[in-house]
C-alpha atoms as a PDB file:
ATOM      1  CA  UNK A   1      -7.833   3.861  47.985  1.00  0.00           C
ATOM      2  CA  UNK A   2     -10.053   4.907  50.306  1.00  0.00           C
ATOM      3  CA  UNK A   3      -7.891   3.362  53.007  1.00  0.00           C
ATOM      4  CA  UNK A   4      -5.064   5.236  52.189  1.00  0.00           C
ATOM      5  CA  UNK A   5      -7.042   8.738  52.092  1.00  0.00           C
ATOM      6  CA  UNK A   6      -9.413   8.566  55.080  1.00  0.00           C
ATOM      7  CA  UNK A   7      -8.027   7.792  58.699  1.00  0.00           C
ATOM      8  CA  UNK A   8     -11.151   6.418  59.942  1.00  0.00           C
ATOM      9  CA  UNK A   9     -10.498   3.656  56.863  1.00  0.00           C
ATOM     10  CA  UNK A  10      -7.122   2.806  57.652  1.00  0.00           C
ATOM     11  CA  UNK A  11      -6.506  -0.970  58.951  1.00  0.00           C
ATOM     12  CA  UNK A  12      -4.808  -1.820  62.309  1.00  0.00           C
ATOM     13  CA  UNK A  13      -1.055  -1.810  61.931  1.00  0.00           C
ATOM     14  CA  UNK A  14      -1.487  -5.211  64.010  1.00  0.00           C
ATOM     15  CA  UNK A  15      -3.040  -6.568  60.906  1.00  0.00           C
ATOM     16  CA  UNK A  16      -1.033  -4.753  58.534  1.00  0.00           C
ATOM     17  CA  UNK A  17       2.248  -6.727  59.694  1.00  0.00           C
ATOM     18  CA  UNK A  18       0.820  -9.921  59.966  1.00  0.00           C
ATOM     19  CA  UNK A  19       1.436 -12.688  57.164  1.00  0.00           C
ATOM     20  CA  UNK A  20      -2.284 -12.369  56.265  1.00  0.00           C
ATOM     21  CA  UNK A  21      -1.816  -9.156  54.815  1.00  0.00           C
ATOM     22  CA  UNK A  22       2.069  -9.069  54.162  1.00  0.00           C
ATOM     23  CA  UNK A  23       2.616 -12.220  52.110  1.00  0.00           C
ATOM     24  CA  UNK A  24       0.080 -11.508  49.450  1.00  0.00           C
ATOM     25  CA  UNK A  25       1.583  -7.984  49.303  1.00  0.00           C
ATOM     26  CA  UNK A  26       5.484  -8.905  49.106  1.00  0.00           C
ATOM     27  CA  UNK A  27       4.372 -11.713  46.183  1.00  0.00           C
ATOM     28  CA  UNK A  28       2.211  -9.036  44.089  1.00  0.00           C
ATOM     29  CA  UNK A  29       5.627  -6.448  44.373  1.00  0.00           C
ATOM     30  CA  UNK A  30       8.086  -9.416  43.545  1.00  0.00           C
ATOM     31  CA  UNK A  31       5.899 -10.299  40.569  1.00  0.00           C
ATOM     32  CA  UNK A  32       5.158  -6.880  39.607  1.00  0.00           C
ATOM     33  CA  UNK A  33       9.295  -6.473  39.866  1.00  0.00           C
ATOM     34  CA  UNK A  34       9.472  -9.926  37.120  1.00  0.00           C
ATOM     35  CA  UNK A  35       6.890  -7.996  34.560  1.00  0.00           C
ATOM     36  CA  UNK A  36       9.069  -4.493  34.958  1.00  0.00           C
ATOM     37  CA  UNK A  37      12.236  -5.980  34.633  1.00  0.00           C
ATOM     38  CA  UNK A  38      10.624  -7.977  31.700  1.00  0.00           C
ATOM     39  CA  UNK A  39       9.190  -4.758  29.820  1.00  0.00           C
ATOM     40  CA  UNK A  40      12.703  -2.881  30.573  1.00  0.00           C
ATOM     41  CA  UNK A  41      15.143  -5.305  28.578  1.00  0.00           C
ATOM     42  CA  UNK A  42      12.234  -5.883  26.361  1.00  0.00           C
ATOM     43  CA  UNK A  43      12.009  -9.647  27.186  1.00  0.00           C
ATOM     44  CA  UNK A  44       9.275 -12.557  27.535  1.00  0.00           C
ATOM     45  CA  UNK A  45       9.868 -14.402  31.170  1.00  0.00           C
ATOM     46  CA  UNK A  46      11.230 -17.351  29.419  1.00  0.00           C
ATOM     47  CA  UNK A  47      14.079 -15.281  27.827  1.00  0.00           C
ATOM     48  CA  UNK A  48      15.169 -13.955  31.116  1.00  0.00           C
ATOM     49  CA  UNK A  49      14.492 -16.579  32.879  1.00  0.00           C
ATOM     50  CA  UNK A  50      17.026 -18.337  30.380  1.00  0.00           C
ATOM     51  CA  UNK A  51      19.461 -15.901  31.370  1.00  0.00           C
ATOM     52  CA  UNK A  52      19.215 -15.967  34.292  1.00  0.00           C
ATOM     53  CA  UNK A  53      19.392 -19.943  34.971  1.00  0.00           C
ATOM     54  CA  UNK A  54      20.066 -20.917  38.155  1.00  0.00           C
ATOM     55  CA  UNK A  55      20.450 -17.560  39.475  1.00  0.00           C
ATOM     56  CA  UNK A  56      17.201 -16.918  40.710  1.00  0.00           C
ATOM     57  CA  UNK A  57      16.842 -16.963  44.820  1.00  0.00           C
ATOM     58  CA  UNK A  58      14.626 -16.174  47.510  1.00  0.00           C
ATOM     59  CA  UNK A  59      16.368 -12.824  47.740  1.00  0.00           C
ATOM     60  CA  UNK A  60      15.246 -12.014  43.942  1.00  0.00           C
ATOM     61  CA  UNK A  61      12.592  -9.735  45.715  1.00  0.00           C
ATOM     62  CA  UNK A  62      14.357  -8.580  48.750  1.00  0.00           C
ATOM     63  CA  UNK A  63      12.249 -10.673  51.295  1.00  0.00           C
ATOM     64  CA  UNK A  64      12.268 -13.481  53.110  1.00  0.00           C
ATOM     65  CA  UNK A  65       8.735 -14.405  51.934  1.00  0.00           C
ATOM     66  CA  UNK A  66       9.773 -13.758  48.299  1.00  0.00           C
ATOM     67  CA  UNK A  67      10.842 -17.747  48.060  1.00  0.00           C
ATOM     68  CA  UNK A  68       7.135 -18.420  46.644  1.00  0.00           C
ATOM     69  CA  UNK A  69       7.339 -15.236  44.353  1.00  0.00           C
ATOM     70  CA  UNK A  70      10.845 -16.808  43.056  1.00  0.00           C
ATOM     71  CA  UNK A  71       9.458 -20.639  42.743  1.00  0.00           C
ATOM     72  CA  UNK A  72       6.133 -18.604  41.063  1.00  0.00           C
ATOM     73  CA  UNK A  73       8.575 -16.977  38.598  1.00  0.00           C
ATOM     74  CA  UNK A  74      10.639 -19.633  37.552  1.00  0.00           C
ATOM     75  CA  UNK A  75       8.032 -22.212  37.260  1.00  0.00           C
ATOM     76  CA  UNK A  76       7.489 -23.661  33.935  1.00  0.00           C
END
């Protein structure tokens, strides 16, 4: 939180757009989106996956790096 509020602690833009920072954040956002979807639909992840069978793809979370997130969501 300090990095968001204090300009002196803000990370360099070059670092933020690198895969070292963006990849984990994109993955976390994708998993959070899946979690929120399960809560809103009042379904367990396995129930949601059964309904979406064959339709989950890398664009699920809206980013090319989301292929890993999609694979994590559908893995048993």
